[in-house]
């Protein structure tokens, strides 16, 4: 009884505001988007999806996402003594004890996704364990190791792929493995379908590093933006979005995604208007516009994928 009380007291009076900030809990909304994308693709092509495995995967991925976010933000706060993010955390008037409590809580909940992943590996096969390991390694290496990914010219591309490709592939595998519908073409299809969002997220990371260039140099972080310069980075940002815009109609006409996805073209001007202020002035005050535009594109694209899957199901029922 006393032991249980001592364990509970460790997590009593946890600074939840600090927990939400360091774990970036709001970012996990994307995990739900990837699940919807996987369900839409699976139903559109195979008329099936293992919803139990999918939901269990969602819980595991959300917890892993929170842990990785905390790990990276904590490392950034601890290692780099300058920068807007460090200043933001300091303004919360935290102390060593409150930070330690949040850290213990975050790593304690790690047992939940580990147990779920073990069960899903037993249920669906070793591939999901491999994908989980790859995702975790890439996530933790973002701010860890002798040369963290966020200090290399490959960091932006690797993280964009980890966020927008690795997770959707995991969901598609979980949804189709028990039905025996998984093969190399399914994995390739999933990767290709994710590419428009991948380029948008890559552009968002580039924009973030353009905004943080001075802080990165002060902390000896040499990203792709540092290597190619701010002007070329802004051109790369524009090129990434141009590829996003071009790929969606191409994939629709090639029947990789539903024809209804062509409606995205109507949304392009509105999305462009959202992040246009950042093109004029790449200042911190305009960066939230880039995030908003990326989220708008992601939700619209996946929403139309879902509509396409529903239309396909209705046609099958009519026939």
C-alpha atoms as a PDB file:
ATOM      1  CA  UNK A   1       0.000   0.000   0.000  1.00  0.00           C
ATOM      2  CA  UNK A   2       2.765   2.419   0.938  1.00  0.00           C
ATOM      3  CA  UNK A   3       4.689   1.482  -2.195  1.00  0.00           C
ATOM      4  CA  UNK A   4       1.639   2.235  -4.322  1.00  0.00           C
ATOM      5  CA  UNK A   5       1.209   5.605  -2.574  1.00  0.00           C
ATOM      6  CA  UNK A   6       4.854   6.469  -3.172  1.00  0.00           C
ATOM      7  CA  UNK A   7       4.500   5.628  -6.882  1.00  0.00           C
ATOM      8  CA  UNK A   8       1.369   7.750  -7.164  1.00  0.00           C
ATOM      9  CA  UNK A   9       3.039  10.663  -5.410  1.00  0.00           C
ATOM     10  CA  UNK A  10       5.723  10.732  -8.096  1.00  0.00           C
ATOM     11  CA  UNK A  11       3.143  11.853 -10.649  1.00  0.00           C
ATOM     12  CA  UNK A  12       1.096  14.058  -8.340  1.00  0.00           C
ATOM     13  CA  UNK A  13       1.202  17.776  -9.099  1.00  0.00           C
ATOM     14  CA  UNK A  14       2.653  17.200 -12.557  1.00  0.00           C
ATOM     15  CA  UNK A  15       2.994  20.442 -14.505  1.00  0.00           C
ATOM     16  CA  UNK A  16       0.527  19.552 -17.282  1.00  0.00           C
ATOM     17  CA  UNK A  17       1.193  22.757 -19.169  1.00  0.00           C
ATOM     18  CA  UNK A  18       4.853  21.798 -19.353  1.00  0.00           C
ATOM     19  CA  UNK A  19       3.882  18.250 -20.365  1.00  0.00           C
ATOM     20  CA  UNK A  20       1.706  19.524 -23.234  1.00  0.00           C
ATOM     21  CA  UNK A  21       4.406  21.901 -24.414  1.00  0.00           C
ATOM     22  CA  UNK A  22       7.316  19.452 -24.359  1.00  0.00           C
ATOM     23  CA  UNK A  23       5.308  16.525 -25.758  1.00  0.00           C
ATOM     24  CA  UNK A  24       3.624  18.795 -28.345  1.00  0.00           C
ATOM     25  CA  UNK A  25       0.360  16.898 -27.797  1.00  0.00           C
ATOM     26  CA  UNK A  26      -1.535  18.890 -30.432  1.00  0.00           C
ATOM     27  CA  UNK A  27       0.724  17.472 -33.163  1.00  0.00           C
ATOM     28  CA  UNK A  28      -0.767  14.002 -32.647  1.00  0.00           C
ATOM     29  CA  UNK A  29      -3.841  15.092 -34.653  1.00  0.00           C
ATOM     30  CA  UNK A  30      -1.793  14.086 -37.699  1.00  0.00           C
ATOM     31  CA  UNK A  31      -1.701  10.490 -36.433  1.00  0.00           C
ATOM     32  CA  UNK A  32      -5.488  10.330 -36.745  1.00  0.00           C
ATOM     33  CA  UNK A  33      -5.215  11.770 -40.261  1.00  0.00           C
ATOM     34  CA  UNK A  34      -2.823   8.973 -41.283  1.00  0.00           C
ATOM     35  CA  UNK A  35      -5.263   6.365 -39.978  1.00  0.00           C
ATOM     36  CA  UNK A  36      -8.091   7.887 -42.040  1.00  0.00           C
ATOM     37  CA  UNK A  37      -5.786   7.909 -45.090  1.00  0.00           C
ATOM     38  CA  UNK A  38      -4.965   4.218 -44.581  1.00  0.00           C
ATOM     39  CA  UNK A  39      -8.628   3.262 -44.133  1.00  0.00           C
ATOM     40  CA  UNK A  40      -9.587   5.236 -47.248  1.00  0.00           C
ATOM     41  CA  UNK A  41      -6.903   3.574 -49.355  1.00  0.00           C
ATOM     42  CA  UNK A  42      -7.646   0.075 -48.042  1.00  0.00           C
ATOM     43  CA  UNK A  43     -11.407   0.329 -48.566  1.00  0.00           C
ATOM     44  CA  UNK A  44     -10.988   2.028 -51.922  1.00  0.00           C
ATOM     45  CA  UNK A  45      -8.782  -0.760 -53.273  1.00  0.00           C
ATOM     46  CA  UNK A  46      -9.575  -3.872 -51.217  1.00  0.00           C
ATOM     47  CA  UNK A  47     -12.930  -3.090 -49.500  1.00  0.00           C
ATOM     48  CA  UNK A  48     -11.498  -4.161 -46.141  1.00  0.00           C
ATOM     49  CA  UNK A  49      -9.590  -2.831 -43.141  1.00  0.00           C
ATOM     50  CA  UNK A  50      -8.791  -4.407 -39.766  1.00  0.00           C
ATOM     51  CA  UNK A  51     -10.205  -1.646 -37.572  1.00  0.00           C
ATOM     52  CA  UNK A  52      -9.078  -3.293 -34.311  1.00  0.00           C
ATOM     53  CA  UNK A  53      -5.438  -3.392 -35.395  1.00  0.00           C
ATOM     54  CA  UNK A  54      -5.789   0.116 -36.791  1.00  0.00           C
ATOM     55  CA  UNK A  55      -7.135   1.591 -33.554  1.00  0.00           C
ATOM     56  CA  UNK A  56      -4.548  -0.227 -31.442  1.00  0.00           C
ATOM     57  CA  UNK A  57      -1.895   1.092 -33.801  1.00  0.00           C
ATOM     58  CA  UNK A  58      -3.270   4.608 -33.392  1.00  0.00           C
ATOM     59  CA  UNK A  59      -2.963   4.391 -29.590  1.00  0.00           C
ATOM     60  CA  UNK A  60       0.610   3.071 -29.847  1.00  0.00           C
ATOM     61  CA  UNK A  61       1.658   5.693 -32.402  1.00  0.00           C
ATOM     62  CA  UNK A  62       0.144   8.562 -30.393  1.00  0.00           C
ATOM     63  CA  UNK A  63       2.050   7.482 -27.270  1.00  0.00           C
ATOM     64  CA  UNK A  64       5.283   6.949 -29.210  1.00  0.00           C
ATOM     65  CA  UNK A  65       4.759  10.362 -30.818  1.00  0.00           C
ATOM     66  CA  UNK A  66       4.352  12.053 -27.413  1.00  0.00           C
ATOM     67  CA  UNK A  67       7.480  10.326 -26.076  1.00  0.00           C
ATOM     68  CA  UNK A  68       9.607  11.218 -29.102  1.00  0.00           C
ATOM     69  CA  UNK A  69       8.384  14.819 -29.078  1.00  0.00           C
ATOM     70  CA  UNK A  70       9.207  15.099 -25.384  1.00  0.00           C
ATOM     71  CA  UNK A  71      12.633  13.523 -25.867  1.00  0.00           C
ATOM     72  CA  UNK A  72      13.543  15.901 -28.697  1.00  0.00           C
ATOM     73  CA  UNK A  73      12.114  19.050 -27.105  1.00  0.00           C
ATOM     74  CA  UNK A  74      13.697  18.187 -23.764  1.00  0.00           C
ATOM     75  CA  UNK A  75      17.075  17.665 -25.453  1.00  0.00           C
ATOM     76  CA  UNK A  76      16.708  20.951 -27.311  1.00  0.00           C
ATOM     77  CA  UNK A  77      15.867  22.790 -24.090  1.00  0.00           C
ATOM     78  CA  UNK A  78      18.700  21.129 -22.165  1.00  0.00           C
ATOM     79  CA  UNK A  79      21.394  21.328 -24.856  1.00  0.00           C
ATOM     80  CA  UNK A  80      20.762  24.647 -26.582  1.00  0.00           C
ATOM     81  CA  UNK A  81      20.837  27.624 -24.240  1.00  0.00           C
ATOM     82  CA  UNK A  82      19.550  30.178 -26.746  1.00  0.00           C
ATOM     83  CA  UNK A  83      16.564  30.368 -29.033  1.00  0.00           C
ATOM     84  CA  UNK A  84      12.876  31.183 -28.976  1.00  0.00           C
ATOM     85  CA  UNK A  85      11.832  27.693 -27.838  1.00  0.00           C
ATOM     86  CA  UNK A  86      14.241  27.743 -24.884  1.00  0.00           C
ATOM     87  CA  UNK A  87      12.939  31.175 -23.891  1.00  0.00           C
ATOM     88  CA  UNK A  88       9.327  29.962 -24.162  1.00  0.00           C
ATOM     89  CA  UNK A  89       9.956  27.063 -21.753  1.00  0.00           C
ATOM     90  CA  UNK A  90      11.830  29.309 -19.324  1.00  0.00           C
ATOM     91  CA  UNK A  91       8.845  31.665 -19.160  1.00  0.00           C
ATOM     92  CA  UNK A  92       6.817  28.850 -17.565  1.00  0.00           C
ATOM     93  CA  UNK A  93       8.879  29.321 -14.380  1.00  0.00           C
ATOM     94  CA  UNK A  94       9.810  25.646 -14.292  1.00  0.00           C
ATOM     95  CA  UNK A  95      12.265  24.105 -11.857  1.00  0.00           C
ATOM     96  CA  UNK A  96      14.300  20.916 -11.821  1.00  0.00           C
ATOM     97  CA  UNK A  97      11.664  19.013  -9.832  1.00  0.00           C
ATOM     98  CA  UNK A  98       8.751  19.857 -12.158  1.00  0.00           C
ATOM     99  CA  UNK A  99      10.834  18.936 -15.197  1.00  0.00           C
ATOM    100  CA  UNK A 100      11.866  15.643 -13.571  1.00  0.00           C
ATOM    101  CA  UNK A 101       8.241  14.743 -12.769  1.00  0.00           C
ATOM    102  CA  UNK A 102       7.141  15.313 -16.348  1.00  0.00           C
ATOM    103  CA  UNK A 103      10.112  13.345 -17.637  1.00  0.00           C
ATOM    104  CA  UNK A 104       9.314  10.358 -15.373  1.00  0.00           C
ATOM    105  CA  UNK A 105       5.673  10.439 -16.447  1.00  0.00           C
ATOM    106  CA  UNK A 106       6.479  10.491 -20.159  1.00  0.00           C
ATOM    107  CA  UNK A 107       8.933   7.600 -20.014  1.00  0.00           C
ATOM    108  CA  UNK A 108       6.647   5.626 -17.677  1.00  0.00           C
ATOM    109  CA  UNK A 109       3.844   5.621 -20.231  1.00  0.00           C
ATOM    110  CA  UNK A 110       6.273   4.087 -22.717  1.00  0.00           C
ATOM    111  CA  UNK A 111       5.222   0.639 -21.506  1.00  0.00           C
ATOM    112  CA  UNK A 112       1.788   1.141 -23.137  1.00  0.00           C
ATOM    113  CA  UNK A 113       2.918   1.428 -26.799  1.00  0.00           C
ATOM    114  CA  UNK A 114       5.587  -1.239 -26.262  1.00  0.00           C
ATOM    115  CA  UNK A 115       2.982  -3.776 -25.106  1.00  0.00           C
ATOM    116  CA  UNK A 116       0.618  -2.805 -27.932  1.00  0.00           C
ATOM    117  CA  UNK A 117       3.392  -3.141 -30.514  1.00  0.00           C
ATOM    118  CA  UNK A 118       4.297  -6.578 -29.154  1.00  0.00           C
ATOM    119  CA  UNK A 119       0.674  -7.690 -29.501  1.00  0.00           C
ATOM    120  CA  UNK A 120       0.348  -6.238 -33.013  1.00  0.00           C
ATOM    121  CA  UNK A 121       3.558  -7.985 -34.045  1.00  0.00           C
ATOM    122  CA  UNK A 122       2.052 -11.266 -32.838  1.00  0.00           C
ATOM    123  CA  UNK A 123      -1.252 -10.465 -34.571  1.00  0.00           C
ATOM    124  CA  UNK A 124       0.005  -9.194 -37.929  1.00  0.00           C
ATOM    125  CA  UNK A 125       3.673 -10.133 -38.355  1.00  0.00           C
ATOM    126  CA  UNK A 126       7.243  -8.933 -37.929  1.00  0.00           C
ATOM    127  CA  UNK A 127       6.985  -6.120 -40.511  1.00  0.00           C
ATOM    128  CA  UNK A 128       5.145  -3.842 -38.091  1.00  0.00           C
ATOM    129  CA  UNK A 129       7.920  -4.307 -35.533  1.00  0.00           C
ATOM    130  CA  UNK A 130      10.480  -3.337 -38.183  1.00  0.00           C
ATOM    131  CA  UNK A 131       8.518  -0.209 -39.126  1.00  0.00           C
ATOM    132  CA  UNK A 132       8.143   0.725 -35.440  1.00  0.00           C
ATOM    133  CA  UNK A 133      11.883   0.337 -34.828  1.00  0.00           C
ATOM    134  CA  UNK A 134      12.753   2.424 -37.893  1.00  0.00           C
ATOM    135  CA  UNK A 135      10.323   5.153 -36.863  1.00  0.00           C
ATOM    136  CA  UNK A 136      11.617   5.257 -33.290  1.00  0.00           C
ATOM    137  CA  UNK A 137      15.267   5.337 -34.358  1.00  0.00           C
ATOM    138  CA  UNK A 138      14.646   8.216 -36.761  1.00  0.00           C
ATOM    139  CA  UNK A 139      12.584  10.051 -34.152  1.00  0.00           C
ATOM    140  CA  UNK A 140      15.096   9.758 -31.316  1.00  0.00           C
ATOM    141  CA  UNK A 141      18.088  10.501 -33.550  1.00  0.00           C
ATOM    142  CA  UNK A 142      16.584  13.866 -34.465  1.00  0.00           C
ATOM    143  CA  UNK A 143      18.280  15.410 -31.402  1.00  0.00           C
ATOM    144  CA  UNK A 144      20.431  12.504 -30.166  1.00  0.00           C
ATOM    145  CA  UNK A 145      23.683  10.803 -31.054  1.00  0.00           C
ATOM    146  CA  UNK A 146      27.096  12.178 -32.002  1.00  0.00           C
ATOM    147  CA  UNK A 147      25.546  14.049 -34.920  1.00  0.00           C
ATOM    148  CA  UNK A 148      21.787  14.617 -34.477  1.00  0.00           C
ATOM    149  CA  UNK A 149      19.661  14.703 -37.620  1.00  0.00           C
ATOM    150  CA  UNK A 150      18.566  18.271 -36.862  1.00  0.00           C
ATOM    151  CA  UNK A 151      22.190  19.319 -37.354  1.00  0.00           C
ATOM    152  CA  UNK A 152      22.657  17.718 -40.785  1.00  0.00           C
ATOM    153  CA  UNK A 153      21.637  18.532 -44.347  1.00  0.00           C
ATOM    154  CA  UNK A 154      19.523  15.350 -44.428  1.00  0.00           C
ATOM    155  CA  UNK A 155      17.428  16.200 -41.361  1.00  0.00           C
ATOM    156  CA  UNK A 156      14.575  17.935 -43.153  1.00  0.00           C
ATOM    157  CA  UNK A 157      14.056  15.158 -45.713  1.00  0.00           C
ATOM    158  CA  UNK A 158      14.416  12.296 -43.224  1.00  0.00           C
ATOM    159  CA  UNK A 159      11.918  13.737 -40.756  1.00  0.00           C
ATOM    160  CA  UNK A 160       9.411  14.596 -43.514  1.00  0.00           C
ATOM    161  CA  UNK A 161       9.549  10.965 -44.680  1.00  0.00           C
ATOM    162  CA  UNK A 162       9.307   9.612 -41.121  1.00  0.00           C
ATOM    163  CA  UNK A 163       6.207  11.695 -40.416  1.00  0.00           C
ATOM    164  CA  UNK A 164       4.313  11.363 -43.689  1.00  0.00           C
ATOM    165  CA  UNK A 165       5.402   7.971 -45.070  1.00  0.00           C
ATOM    166  CA  UNK A 166       6.528   5.612 -42.304  1.00  0.00           C
ATOM    167  CA  UNK A 167       3.393   6.097 -40.178  1.00  0.00           C
ATOM    168  CA  UNK A 168       0.874   5.689 -43.041  1.00  0.00           C
ATOM    169  CA  UNK A 169       2.715   2.558 -44.215  1.00  0.00           C
ATOM    170  CA  UNK A 170       2.370   1.162 -40.681  1.00  0.00           C
ATOM    171  CA  UNK A 171      -1.375   1.836 -40.663  1.00  0.00           C
ATOM    172  CA  UNK A 172      -1.924   0.294 -44.102  1.00  0.00           C
ATOM    173  CA  UNK A 173       0.001  -2.803 -43.055  1.00  0.00           C
ATOM    174  CA  UNK A 174      -2.005  -3.133 -39.842  1.00  0.00           C
ATOM    175  CA  UNK A 175      -5.264  -2.750 -41.725  1.00  0.00           C
ATOM    176  CA  UNK A 176      -4.536  -5.283 -44.463  1.00  0.00           C
ATOM    177  CA  UNK A 177      -2.108  -7.843 -43.025  1.00  0.00           C
ATOM    178  CA  UNK A 178      -4.724 -10.079 -41.393  1.00  0.00           C
ATOM    179  CA  UNK A 179      -6.671 -10.179 -44.679  1.00  0.00           C
ATOM    180  CA  UNK A 180      -3.560 -11.243 -46.590  1.00  0.00           C
ATOM    181  CA  UNK A 181      -3.721  -8.195 -48.893  1.00  0.00           C
ATOM    182  CA  UNK A 182      -0.228  -6.861 -48.238  1.00  0.00           C
ATOM    183  CA  UNK A 183       2.431  -7.029 -50.954  1.00  0.00           C
ATOM    184  CA  UNK A 184       5.154  -4.782 -52.346  1.00  0.00           C
ATOM    185  CA  UNK A 185       2.741  -2.989 -54.714  1.00  0.00           C
ATOM    186  CA  UNK A 186       0.520  -2.027 -51.760  1.00  0.00           C
ATOM    187  CA  UNK A 187       3.485  -0.515 -49.913  1.00  0.00           C
ATOM    188  CA  UNK A 188       4.602   1.344 -53.042  1.00  0.00           C
ATOM    189  CA  UNK A 189       1.055   2.638 -53.612  1.00  0.00           C
ATOM    190  CA  UNK A 190       0.958   3.964 -50.049  1.00  0.00           C
ATOM    191  CA  UNK A 191       4.301   5.733 -50.427  1.00  0.00           C
ATOM    192  CA  UNK A 192       3.241   7.354 -53.712  1.00  0.00           C
ATOM    193  CA  UNK A 193      -0.134   8.459 -52.287  1.00  0.00           C
ATOM    194  CA  UNK A 194       1.687  10.164 -49.402  1.00  0.00           C
ATOM    195  CA  UNK A 195       4.098  12.124 -51.620  1.00  0.00           C
ATOM    196  CA  UNK A 196       2.017  15.330 -51.956  1.00  0.00           C
ATOM    197  CA  UNK A 197       1.852  15.644 -48.181  1.00  0.00           C
ATOM    198  CA  UNK A 198       5.521  14.660 -47.845  1.00  0.00           C
ATOM    199  CA  UNK A 199       6.611  17.571 -50.020  1.00  0.00           C
ATOM    200  CA  UNK A 200       4.336  19.972 -48.117  1.00  0.00           C
ATOM    201  CA  UNK A 201       5.762  18.832 -44.766  1.00  0.00           C
ATOM    202  CA  UNK A 202       9.305  19.032 -46.157  1.00  0.00           C
ATOM    203  CA  UNK A 203       8.581  22.623 -47.159  1.00  0.00           C
ATOM    204  CA  UNK A 204       7.225  23.343 -43.690  1.00  0.00           C
ATOM    205  CA  UNK A 205      10.412  22.042 -42.054  1.00  0.00           C
ATOM    206  CA  UNK A 206      12.487  24.146 -44.458  1.00  0.00           C
ATOM    207  CA  UNK A 207      10.400  27.195 -43.514  1.00  0.00           C
ATOM    208  CA  UNK A 208      10.938  26.458 -39.815  1.00  0.00           C
ATOM    209  CA  UNK A 209      14.699  26.239 -40.304  1.00  0.00           C
ATOM    210  CA  UNK A 210      14.747  29.452 -42.334  1.00  0.00           C
ATOM    211  CA  UNK A 211      13.028  31.160 -39.428  1.00  0.00           C
ATOM    212  CA  UNK A 212      15.432  29.586 -36.902  1.00  0.00           C
ATOM    213  CA  UNK A 213      18.620  30.048 -38.941  1.00  0.00           C
ATOM    214  CA  UNK A 214      20.282  32.525 -36.566  1.00  0.00           C
ATOM    215  CA  UNK A 215      19.477  30.448 -33.471  1.00  0.00           C
ATOM    216  CA  UNK A 216      20.708  27.280 -35.218  1.00  0.00           C
ATOM    217  CA  UNK A 217      24.047  28.886 -36.069  1.00  0.00           C
ATOM    218  CA  UNK A 218      24.468  30.119 -32.486  1.00  0.00           C
ATOM    219  CA  UNK A 219      23.924  26.536 -31.305  1.00  0.00           C
ATOM    220  CA  UNK A 220      26.263  25.050 -33.952  1.00  0.00           C
ATOM    221  CA  UNK A 221      23.437  23.381 -35.903  1.00  0.00           C
ATOM    222  CA  UNK A 222      24.195  23.303 -39.616  1.00  0.00           C
ATOM    223  CA  UNK A 223      21.010  22.363 -41.431  1.00  0.00           C
ATOM    224  CA  UNK A 224      20.297  22.266 -45.154  1.00  0.00           C
ATOM    225  CA  UNK A 225      19.135  25.877 -44.885  1.00  0.00           C
ATOM    226  CA  UNK A 226      22.552  26.887 -43.570  1.00  0.00           C
ATOM    227  CA  UNK A 227      24.344  25.033 -46.367  1.00  0.00           C
ATOM    228  CA  UNK A 228      22.357  26.389 -49.308  1.00  0.00           C
ATOM    229  CA  UNK A 229      21.483  29.808 -47.891  1.00  0.00           C
ATOM    230  CA  UNK A 230      18.245  31.544 -47.041  1.00  0.00           C
ATOM    231  CA  UNK A 231      17.431  32.653 -50.598  1.00  0.00           C
ATOM    232  CA  UNK A 232      17.855  29.169 -52.078  1.00  0.00           C
ATOM    233  CA  UNK A 233      15.943  27.702 -49.135  1.00  0.00           C
ATOM    234  CA  UNK A 234      12.964  29.910 -49.903  1.00  0.00           C
ATOM    235  CA  UNK A 235      13.132  28.744 -53.525  1.00  0.00           C
ATOM    236  CA  UNK A 236      13.200  25.160 -52.268  1.00  0.00           C
ATOM    237  CA  UNK A 237      10.162  25.907 -50.108  1.00  0.00           C
ATOM    238  CA  UNK A 238       8.286  27.183 -53.171  1.00  0.00           C
ATOM    239  CA  UNK A 239       9.421  24.189 -55.253  1.00  0.00           C
ATOM    240  CA  UNK A 240       8.189  21.750 -52.590  1.00  0.00           C
ATOM    241  CA  UNK A 241       4.731  23.283 -52.647  1.00  0.00           C
ATOM    242  CA  UNK A 242       4.759  23.378 -56.455  1.00  0.00           C
ATOM    243  CA  UNK A 243       5.441  19.614 -56.478  1.00  0.00           C
ATOM    244  CA  UNK A 244       2.614  19.100 -53.992  1.00  0.00           C
ATOM    245  CA  UNK A 245       0.215  21.011 -56.236  1.00  0.00           C
ATOM    246  CA  UNK A 246       1.381  19.181 -59.384  1.00  0.00           C
ATOM    247  CA  UNK A 247       1.333  15.661 -57.948  1.00  0.00           C
ATOM    248  CA  UNK A 248      -2.296  15.591 -56.822  1.00  0.00           C
ATOM    249  CA  UNK A 249      -3.895  15.956 -60.287  1.00  0.00           C
ATOM    250  CA  UNK A 250      -1.227  13.680 -61.797  1.00  0.00           C
ATOM    251  CA  UNK A 251      -1.973  10.920 -59.270  1.00  0.00           C
ATOM    252  CA  UNK A 252      -5.723  11.366 -59.795  1.00  0.00           C
ATOM    253  CA  UNK A 253      -5.442  11.115 -63.583  1.00  0.00           C
ATOM    254  CA  UNK A 254      -3.236   8.033 -63.178  1.00  0.00           C
ATOM    255  CA  UNK A 255      -5.984   6.499 -60.958  1.00  0.00           C
ATOM    256  CA  UNK A 256      -3.612   6.195 -58.006  1.00  0.00           C
ATOM    257  CA  UNK A 257      -6.001   8.338 -55.942  1.00  0.00           C
ATOM    258  CA  UNK A 258      -9.753   8.863 -56.538  1.00  0.00           C
ATOM    259  CA  UNK A 259     -10.864  11.241 -59.313  1.00  0.00           C
ATOM    260  CA  UNK A 260     -12.716  13.257 -56.683  1.00  0.00           C
ATOM    261  CA  UNK A 261      -9.281  14.339 -55.411  1.00  0.00           C
ATOM    262  CA  UNK A 262      -9.148  16.709 -58.403  1.00  0.00           C
ATOM    263  CA  UNK A 263     -11.412  18.973 -56.346  1.00  0.00           C
ATOM    264  CA  UNK A 264      -8.206  19.865 -54.456  1.00  0.00           C
ATOM    265  CA  UNK A 265      -7.349  22.191 -57.342  1.00  0.00           C
ATOM    266  CA  UNK A 266     -10.202  24.452 -56.255  1.00  0.00           C
ATOM    267  CA  UNK A 267      -8.591  24.725 -52.795  1.00  0.00           C
ATOM    268  CA  UNK A 268      -5.142  25.701 -54.088  1.00  0.00           C
ATOM    269  CA  UNK A 269      -5.691  29.506 -54.147  1.00  0.00           C
ATOM    270  CA  UNK A 270      -7.008  29.491 -50.566  1.00  0.00           C
ATOM    271  CA  UNK A 271      -4.095  27.390 -49.311  1.00  0.00           C
ATOM    272  CA  UNK A 272      -1.609  29.629 -51.127  1.00  0.00           C
ATOM    273  CA  UNK A 273      -3.193  32.727 -49.583  1.00  0.00           C
ATOM    274  CA  UNK A 274      -2.665  31.252 -46.104  1.00  0.00           C
ATOM    275  CA  UNK A 275       1.125  30.913 -46.379  1.00  0.00           C
ATOM    276  CA  UNK A 276       1.704  33.865 -48.735  1.00  0.00           C
ATOM    277  CA  UNK A 277       2.705  36.216 -45.858  1.00  0.00           C
ATOM    278  CA  UNK A 278       5.674  33.922 -45.135  1.00  0.00           C
ATOM    279  CA  UNK A 279       6.826  34.295 -48.740  1.00  0.00           C
ATOM    280  CA  UNK A 280       6.883  38.065 -48.286  1.00  0.00           C
ATOM    281  CA  UNK A 281       8.515  38.069 -44.849  1.00  0.00           C
ATOM    282  CA  UNK A 282      10.036  34.903 -43.377  1.00  0.00           C
ATOM    283  CA  UNK A 283       9.569  35.980 -39.761  1.00  0.00           C
ATOM    284  CA  UNK A 284       8.373  33.941 -36.755  1.00  0.00           C
ATOM    285  CA  UNK A 285       5.012  35.739 -36.739  1.00  0.00           C
ATOM    286  CA  UNK A 286       4.257  34.349 -40.215  1.00  0.00           C
ATOM    287  CA  UNK A 287       5.372  30.749 -39.635  1.00  0.00           C
ATOM    288  CA  UNK A 288       2.030  29.656 -38.071  1.00  0.00           C
ATOM    289  CA  UNK A 289       0.507  30.443 -41.475  1.00  0.00           C
ATOM    290  CA  UNK A 290       2.716  27.775 -43.035  1.00  0.00           C
ATOM    291  CA  UNK A 291       1.622  25.242 -40.426  1.00  0.00           C
ATOM    292  CA  UNK A 292      -2.018  26.167 -40.996  1.00  0.00           C
ATOM    293  CA  UNK A 293      -1.642  25.786 -44.777  1.00  0.00           C
ATOM    294  CA  UNK A 294       0.014  22.377 -44.400  1.00  0.00           C
ATOM    295  CA  UNK A 295      -2.722  21.173 -42.058  1.00  0.00           C
ATOM    296  CA  UNK A 296      -5.423  22.504 -44.398  1.00  0.00           C
ATOM    297  CA  UNK A 297      -3.860  20.679 -47.346  1.00  0.00           C
ATOM    298  CA  UNK A 298      -3.440  17.440 -45.373  1.00  0.00           C
ATOM    299  CA  UNK A 299      -7.008  17.377 -44.056  1.00  0.00           C
ATOM    300  CA  UNK A 300      -8.500  18.328 -47.449  1.00  0.00           C
ATOM    301  CA  UNK A 301      -6.442  15.738 -49.341  1.00  0.00           C
ATOM    302  CA  UNK A 302      -7.214  12.919 -46.910  1.00  0.00           C
ATOM    303  CA  UNK A 303     -10.857  14.014 -46.667  1.00  0.00           C
ATOM    304  CA  UNK A 304     -11.245  13.696 -50.439  1.00  0.00           C
ATOM    305  CA  UNK A 305      -9.536  10.298 -50.308  1.00  0.00           C
ATOM    306  CA  UNK A 306     -12.193   9.250 -47.794  1.00  0.00           C
ATOM    307  CA  UNK A 307     -14.985  10.624 -49.996  1.00  0.00           C
ATOM    308  CA  UNK A 308     -13.556   8.681 -52.933  1.00  0.00           C
ATOM    309  CA  UNK A 309     -13.545   5.449 -50.883  1.00  0.00           C
ATOM    310  CA  UNK A 310     -17.168   6.027 -49.842  1.00  0.00           C
ATOM    311  CA  UNK A 311     -18.203   6.617 -53.460  1.00  0.00           C
ATOM    312  CA  UNK A 312     -16.453   3.377 -54.506  1.00  0.00           C
ATOM    313  CA  UNK A 313     -18.276   1.447 -51.776  1.00  0.00           C
ATOM    314  CA  UNK A 314     -21.627   2.873 -52.882  1.00  0.00           C
ATOM    315  CA  UNK A 315     -20.946   1.893 -56.506  1.00  0.00           C
ATOM    316  CA  UNK A 316     -20.047  -1.659 -55.411  1.00  0.00           C
ATOM    317  CA  UNK A 317     -23.279  -1.928 -53.383  1.00  0.00           C
ATOM    318  CA  UNK A 318     -25.370  -0.674 -56.316  1.00  0.00           C
ATOM    319  CA  UNK A 319     -23.813  -3.222 -58.646  1.00  0.00           C
END
